[in-house]
Structure formats: C-alpha cells, structure tokens
PDB file of N, CA and C in Angstrom:
ATOM      1  N   UNK A   1       0.776  -1.276  -0.114  1.00  0.00           N
ATOM      2  CA  UNK A   1       0.021   0.019  -0.077  1.00  0.00           C
ATOM      3  C   UNK A   1       1.082   1.578  -0.056  1.00  0.00           C
ATOM      4  N   UNK A   2       0.666   2.190  -0.816  1.00  0.00           N
ATOM      5  CA  UNK A   2       1.444   2.820  -1.285  1.00  0.00           C
ATOM      6  C   UNK A   2       0.628   4.403  -0.057  1.00  0.00           C
ATOM      7  N   UNK A   3       1.643   5.077   1.285  1.00  0.00           N
ATOM      8  CA  UNK A   3       1.201   5.726   1.636  1.00  0.00           C
ATOM      9  C   UNK A   3       1.025   6.960   1.776  1.00  0.00           C
ATOM     10  N   UNK A   4       0.724   7.834   0.107  1.00  0.00           N
ATOM     11  CA  UNK A   4       1.566   8.671  -0.366  1.00  0.00           C
ATOM     12  C   UNK A   4       0.148   8.911  -0.719  1.00  0.00           C
ATOM     13  N   UNK A   5      -0.537   7.951  -1.329  1.00  0.00           N
ATOM     14  CA  UNK A   5      -2.302   7.485  -2.276  1.00  0.00           C
ATOM     15  C   UNK A   5      -3.368   7.407  -0.345  1.00  0.00           C
ATOM     16  N   UNK A   6      -2.788   7.480   0.527  1.00  0.00           N
ATOM     17  CA  UNK A   6      -3.911   7.125   1.775  1.00  0.00           C
ATOM     18  C   UNK A   6      -4.794   8.146   1.991  1.00  0.00           C
ATOM     19  N   UNK A   7      -4.865   8.945   2.114  1.00  0.00           N
ATOM     20  CA  UNK A   7      -5.305  10.039   1.724  1.00  0.00           C
ATOM     21  C   UNK A   7      -6.529  10.229   0.696  1.00  0.00           C
ATOM     22  N   UNK A   8      -6.197   9.534  -0.146  1.00  0.00           N
ATOM     23  CA  UNK A   8      -7.323   9.705  -1.677  1.00  0.00           C
ATOM     24  C   UNK A   8      -7.989   8.134  -1.706  1.00  0.00           C
ATOM     25  N   UNK A   9      -7.287   7.150  -0.828  1.00  0.00           N
ATOM     26  CA  UNK A   9      -7.942   6.079  -0.351  1.00  0.00           C
ATOM     27  C   UNK A   9      -9.310   6.566   0.638  1.00  0.00           C
ATOM     28  N   UNK A  10      -8.904   7.307   1.341  1.00  0.00           N
ATOM     29  CA  UNK A  10     -10.107   7.482   2.605  1.00  0.00           C
ATOM     30  C   UNK A  10     -11.181   8.796   2.106  1.00  0.00           C
ATOM     31  N   UNK A  11     -10.779   9.361   1.395  1.00  0.00           N
ATOM     32  CA  UNK A  11     -11.923  10.238   0.889  1.00  0.00           C
ATOM     33  C   UNK A  11     -12.646   9.819  -0.112  1.00  0.00           C
ATOM     34  N   UNK A  12     -11.868   8.893  -0.797  1.00  0.00           N
ATOM     35  CA  UNK A  12     -12.880   7.804  -1.788  1.00  0.00           C
ATOM     36  C   UNK A  12     -14.061   7.446  -0.904  1.00  0.00           C
ATOM     37  N   UNK A  13     -13.279   6.622   0.204  1.00  0.00           N
ATOM     38  CA  UNK A  13     -14.306   5.407   1.591  1.00  0.00           C
ATOM     39  C   UNK A  13     -15.365   6.201   0.974  1.00  0.00           C
ATOM     40  N   UNK A  14     -14.760   7.816   2.211  1.00  0.00           N
ATOM     41  CA  UNK A  14     -16.166   8.548   2.631  1.00  0.00           C
ATOM     42  C   UNK A  14     -16.807   9.103   2.016  1.00  0.00           C
ATOM     43  N   UNK A  15     -16.487   8.941   0.998  1.00  0.00           N
ATOM     44  CA  UNK A  15     -17.513   9.674  -0.379  1.00  0.00           C
ATOM     45  C   UNK A  15     -18.596   8.811  -0.438  1.00  0.00           C
ATOM     46  N   UNK A  16     -17.826   7.160  -1.377  1.00  0.00           N
ATOM     47  CA  UNK A  16     -18.875   6.394  -1.196  1.00  0.00           C
ATOM     48  C   UNK A  16     -19.733   6.264  -0.004  1.00  0.00           C
ATOM     49  N   UNK A  17     -19.365   6.072   0.880  1.00  0.00           N
ATOM     50  CA  UNK A  17     -20.430   5.959   1.847  1.00  0.00           C
ATOM     51  C   UNK A  17     -21.649   6.487   2.027  1.00  0.00           C
ATOM     52  N   UNK A  18     -21.150   8.094   1.811  1.00  0.00           N
ATOM     53  CA  UNK A  18     -21.979   8.796   1.894  1.00  0.00           C
ATOM     54  C   UNK A  18     -22.827   8.494   0.425  1.00  0.00           C
ATOM     55  N   UNK A  19     -22.890   7.967  -0.433  1.00  0.00           N
ATOM     56  CA  UNK A  19     -23.396   7.716  -1.600  1.00  0.00           C
ATOM     57  C   UNK A  19     -24.426   6.629  -1.060  1.00  0.00           C
ATOM     58  N   UNK A  20     -23.599   5.502  -0.452  1.00  0.00           N
ATOM     59  CA  UNK A  20     -24.544   4.807   0.386  1.00  0.00           C
ATOM     60  C   UNK A  20     -25.741   5.221   1.043  1.00  0.00           C
ATOM     61  N   UNK A  21     -25.107   6.115   1.812  1.00  0.00           N
ATOM     62  CA  UNK A  21     -26.404   6.935   2.435  1.00  0.00           C
ATOM     63  C   UNK A  21     -27.401   7.450   1.304  1.00  0.00           C
ATOM     64  N   UNK A  22     -27.235   8.465   0.602  1.00  0.00           N
ATOM     65  CA  UNK A  22     -28.114   9.142  -0.472  1.00  0.00           C
ATOM     66  C   UNK A  22     -28.785   8.086  -1.185  1.00  0.00           C
ATOM     67  N   UNK A  23     -28.075   7.055  -1.811  1.00  0.00           N
ATOM     68  CA  UNK A  23     -28.953   6.239  -2.432  1.00  0.00           C
ATOM     69  C   UNK A  23     -28.462   5.098  -2.213  1.00  0.00           C
ATOM     70  N   UNK A  24     -28.858   4.542  -1.127  1.00  0.00           N
ATOM     71  CA  UNK A  24     -28.036   2.950  -0.763  1.00  0.00           C
ATOM     72  C   UNK A  24     -28.040   1.913  -2.015  1.00  0.00           C
ATOM     73  N   UNK A  25     -29.195   1.773  -2.892  1.00  0.00           N
ATOM     74  CA  UNK A  25     -29.235   0.816  -3.838  1.00  0.00           C
ATOM     75  C   UNK A  25     -27.758   0.629  -4.875  1.00  0.00           C
ATOM     76  N   UNK A  26     -27.723   1.917  -5.194  1.00  0.00           N
ATOM     77  CA  UNK A  26     -26.195   2.013  -5.795  1.00  0.00           C
ATOM     78  C   UNK A  26     -25.582   1.911  -5.272  1.00  0.00           C
ATOM     79  N   UNK A  27     -25.390   2.760  -3.993  1.00  0.00           N
ATOM     80  CA  UNK A  27     -24.327   3.358  -2.841  1.00  0.00           C
ATOM     81  C   UNK A  27     -23.459   1.670  -2.468  1.00  0.00           C
ATOM     82  N   UNK A  28     -24.637   0.833  -2.511  1.00  0.00           N
ATOM     83  CA  UNK A  28     -23.989  -0.492  -1.795  1.00  0.00           C
ATOM     84  C   UNK A  28     -23.269  -1.302  -2.826  1.00  0.00           C
ATOM     85  N   UNK A  29     -23.930  -0.820  -3.978  1.00  0.00           N
ATOM     86  CA  UNK A  29     -22.811  -1.771  -4.817  1.00  0.00           C
ATOM     87  C   UNK A  29     -21.448  -1.145  -5.276  1.00  0.00           C
ATOM     88  N   UNK A  30     -22.001   0.057  -5.279  1.00  0.00           N
ATOM     89  CA  UNK A  30     -20.292   0.708  -5.293  1.00  0.00           C
ATOM     90  C   UNK A  30     -19.316   0.190  -3.884  1.00  0.00           C
ATOM     91  N   UNK A  31     -19.705   0.349  -3.088  1.00  0.00           N
ATOM     92  CA  UNK A  31     -18.810   0.062  -2.292  1.00  0.00           C
ATOM     93  C   UNK A  31     -18.749  -1.380  -2.029  1.00  0.00           C
ATOM     94  N   UNK A  32     -19.466  -2.543  -2.229  1.00  0.00           N
ATOM     95  CA  UNK A  32     -18.779  -3.379  -2.076  1.00  0.00           C
ATOM     96  C   UNK A  32     -17.801  -3.776  -3.494  1.00  0.00           C
ATOM     97  N   UNK A  33     -17.575  -2.842  -4.249  1.00  0.00           N
ATOM     98  CA  UNK A  33     -16.611  -3.281  -5.596  1.00  0.00           C
ATOM     99  C   UNK A  33     -15.281  -2.773  -5.236  1.00  0.00           C
ATOM    100  N   UNK A  34     -15.722  -1.138  -4.101  1.00  0.00           N
ATOM    101  CA  UNK A  34     -14.093  -1.016  -3.710  1.00  0.00           C
ATOM    102  C   UNK A  34     -13.180  -1.465  -2.516  1.00  0.00           C
ATOM    103  N   UNK A  35     -14.556  -2.377  -1.731  1.00  0.00           N
ATOM    104  CA  UNK A  35     -13.735  -2.428  -0.345  1.00  0.00           C
ATOM    105  C   UNK A  35     -13.332  -4.357  -0.515  1.00  0.00           C
ATOM    106  N   UNK A  36     -11.853  -4.299  -0.522  1.00  0.00           N
ATOM    107  CA  UNK A  36     -10.995  -5.612  -0.230  1.00  0.00           C
ATOM    108  C   UNK A  36     -10.610  -5.572   0.575  1.00  0.00           C
ATOM    109  N   UNK A  37     -10.230  -7.063   0.946  1.00  0.00           N
ATOM    110  CA  UNK A  37      -9.307  -7.574   1.826  1.00  0.00           C
ATOM    111  C   UNK A  37      -8.785  -6.561   2.497  1.00  0.00           C
ATOM    112  N   UNK A  38      -7.363  -6.147   1.924  1.00  0.00           N
ATOM    113  CA  UNK A  38      -6.426  -5.319   2.138  1.00  0.00           C
ATOM    114  C   UNK A  38      -7.574  -4.163   2.864  1.00  0.00           C
ATOM    115  N   UNK A  39      -8.166  -3.339   2.524  1.00  0.00           N
ATOM    116  CA  UNK A  39      -8.745  -1.852   3.302  1.00  0.00           C
ATOM    117  C   UNK A  39      -9.386  -2.309   4.063  1.00  0.00           C
ATOM    118  N   UNK A  40     -10.676  -3.942   4.286  1.00  0.00           N
ATOM    119  CA  UNK A  40     -10.514  -4.169   5.845  1.00  0.00           C
ATOM    120  C   UNK A  40      -9.673  -3.993   6.536  1.00  0.00           C
ATOM    121  N   UNK A  41      -8.583  -4.668   6.313  1.00  0.00           N
ATOM    122  CA  UNK A  41      -7.633  -4.900   7.417  1.00  0.00           C
ATOM    123  C   UNK A  41      -6.810  -3.488   8.395  1.00  0.00           C
ATOM    124  N   UNK A  42      -6.915  -3.118   7.217  1.00  0.00           N
ATOM    125  CA  UNK A  42      -6.113  -1.369   7.127  1.00  0.00           C
ATOM    126  C   UNK A  42      -7.197  -0.779   8.167  1.00  0.00           C
ATOM    127  N   UNK A  43      -8.570  -0.754   7.999  1.00  0.00           N
ATOM    128  CA  UNK A  43      -9.627  -0.413   8.760  1.00  0.00           C
ATOM    129  C   UNK A  43      -9.300  -0.790  10.406  1.00  0.00           C
ATOM    130  N   UNK A  44      -9.818  -2.399   9.808  1.00  0.00           N
ATOM    131  CA  UNK A  44      -9.455  -2.953  11.764  1.00  0.00           C
ATOM    132  C   UNK A  44      -8.655  -2.537  12.383  1.00  0.00           C
ATOM    133  N   UNK A  45      -7.449  -2.234  11.516  1.00  0.00           N
ATOM    134  CA  UNK A  45      -5.864  -1.897  12.041  1.00  0.00           C
ATOM    135  C   UNK A  45      -5.795  -0.838  12.942  1.00  0.00           C
ATOM    136  N   UNK A  46      -6.712  -0.148  12.409  1.00  0.00           N
ATOM    137  CA  UNK A  46      -6.828   1.465  12.364  1.00  0.00           C
ATOM    138  C   UNK A  46      -7.796   1.874  13.616  1.00  0.00           C
ATOM    139  N   UNK A  47      -8.531   1.169  13.730  1.00  0.00           N
ATOM    140  CA  UNK A  47      -9.614   0.862  14.769  1.00  0.00           C
ATOM    141  C   UNK A  47      -8.777   0.566  15.905  1.00  0.00           C
ATOM    142  N   UNK A  48      -8.337  -0.842  16.043  1.00  0.00           N
ATOM    143  CA  UNK A  48      -7.699  -1.281  17.266  1.00  0.00           C
ATOM    144  C   UNK A  48      -6.971  -0.163  17.694  1.00  0.00           C
ATOM    145  N   UNK A  49      -5.595   0.583  16.805  1.00  0.00           N
ATOM    146  CA  UNK A  49      -4.622   1.272  17.540  1.00  0.00           C
ATOM    147  C   UNK A  49      -5.442   2.381  18.030  1.00  0.00           C
ATOM    148  N   UNK A  50      -6.421   3.287  17.620  1.00  0.00           N
ATOM    149  CA  UNK A  50      -6.994   4.359  17.885  1.00  0.00           C
ATOM    150  C   UNK A  50      -7.613   3.800  19.421  1.00  0.00           C
ATOM    151  N   UNK A  51      -8.378   2.763  19.275  1.00  0.00           N
ATOM    152  CA  UNK A  51      -9.234   2.745  20.556  1.00  0.00           C
ATOM    153  C   UNK A  51      -7.903   2.229  21.530  1.00  0.00           C
ATOM    154  N   UNK A  52      -7.072   1.528  21.736  1.00  0.00           N
ATOM    155  CA  UNK A  52      -5.833   1.527  22.908  1.00  0.00           C
ATOM    156  C   UNK A  52      -5.229   2.656  22.558  1.00  0.00           C
ATOM    157  N   UNK A  53      -5.089   4.059  21.637  1.00  0.00           N
ATOM    158  CA  UNK A  53      -4.833   4.824  22.327  1.00  0.00           C
ATOM    159  C   UNK A  53      -5.571   5.962  23.271  1.00  0.00           C
ATOM    160  N   UNK A  54      -7.458   5.422  22.737  1.00  0.00           N
ATOM    161  CA  UNK A  54      -7.934   6.057  24.169  1.00  0.00           C
ATOM    162  C   UNK A  54      -8.210   6.320  24.884  1.00  0.00           C
ATOM    163  N   UNK A  55      -7.449   4.011  24.924  1.00  0.00           N
ATOM    164  CA  UNK A  55      -8.260   3.559  26.839  1.00  0.00           C
ATOM    165  C   UNK A  55      -6.437   4.298  26.899  1.00  0.00           C
ATOM    166  N   UNK A  56      -5.755   4.245  26.503  1.00  0.00           N
ATOM    167  CA  UNK A  56      -4.319   3.980  27.551  1.00  0.00           C
ATOM    168  C   UNK A  56      -4.777   6.099  27.823  1.00  0.00           C
ATOM    169  N   UNK A  57      -5.044   6.642  26.528  1.00  0.00           N
ATOM    170  CA  UNK A  57      -5.004   8.079  27.157  1.00  0.00           C
ATOM    171  C   UNK A  57      -5.688   9.048  28.820  1.00  0.00           C
ATOM    172  N   UNK A  58      -6.813   8.186  28.252  1.00  0.00           N
ATOM    173  CA  UNK A  58      -8.026   7.856  29.480  1.00  0.00           C
ATOM    174  C   UNK A  58      -7.451   7.066  30.742  1.00  0.00           C
ATOM    175  N   UNK A  59      -6.565   6.437  30.957  1.00  0.00           N
ATOM    176  CA  UNK A  59      -5.799   5.979  32.170  1.00  0.00           C
ATOM    177  C   UNK A  59      -5.314   7.090  32.669  1.00  0.00           C
ATOM    178  N   UNK A  60      -4.366   7.442  31.690  1.00  0.00           N
ATOM    179  CA  UNK A  60      -2.766   8.486  32.239  1.00  0.00           C
ATOM    180  C   UNK A  60      -3.578   9.702  32.666  1.00  0.00           C
TER     181      UNK A  60
END
C-alpha cells in the first residue's frame, strides 16, 4: 500500500459511504466493488490502534 495515496483512499471511501446513505442500492454496489481484504484489514487495524490510544490516554 502506498502511503502517499492513503488520503485519497480515505476520502474516496468516505464519499462512497455518503453515496450509500443518499442512494442505498447504487451506493452499496459501489462500496462492495471498492472494499478489498486489504482495506478491511487497514480499517480494523486503525480502529484497534485508535481504541488502544484512547484507552491509554483515559487511564493516564
């Protein structure tokens, strides 16, 4: 994964999610075509790291 395109990936995915809210049928089909195993792993890892950072900040 190229880190210089990570911002583009995030913005594009956010746009696809917003499109799914406006037009659920077409938006979900677009979202399914964009989502890959690699992007799911990246999102899951980001959520886990964010959770751990928030938890450590709350305790400290």
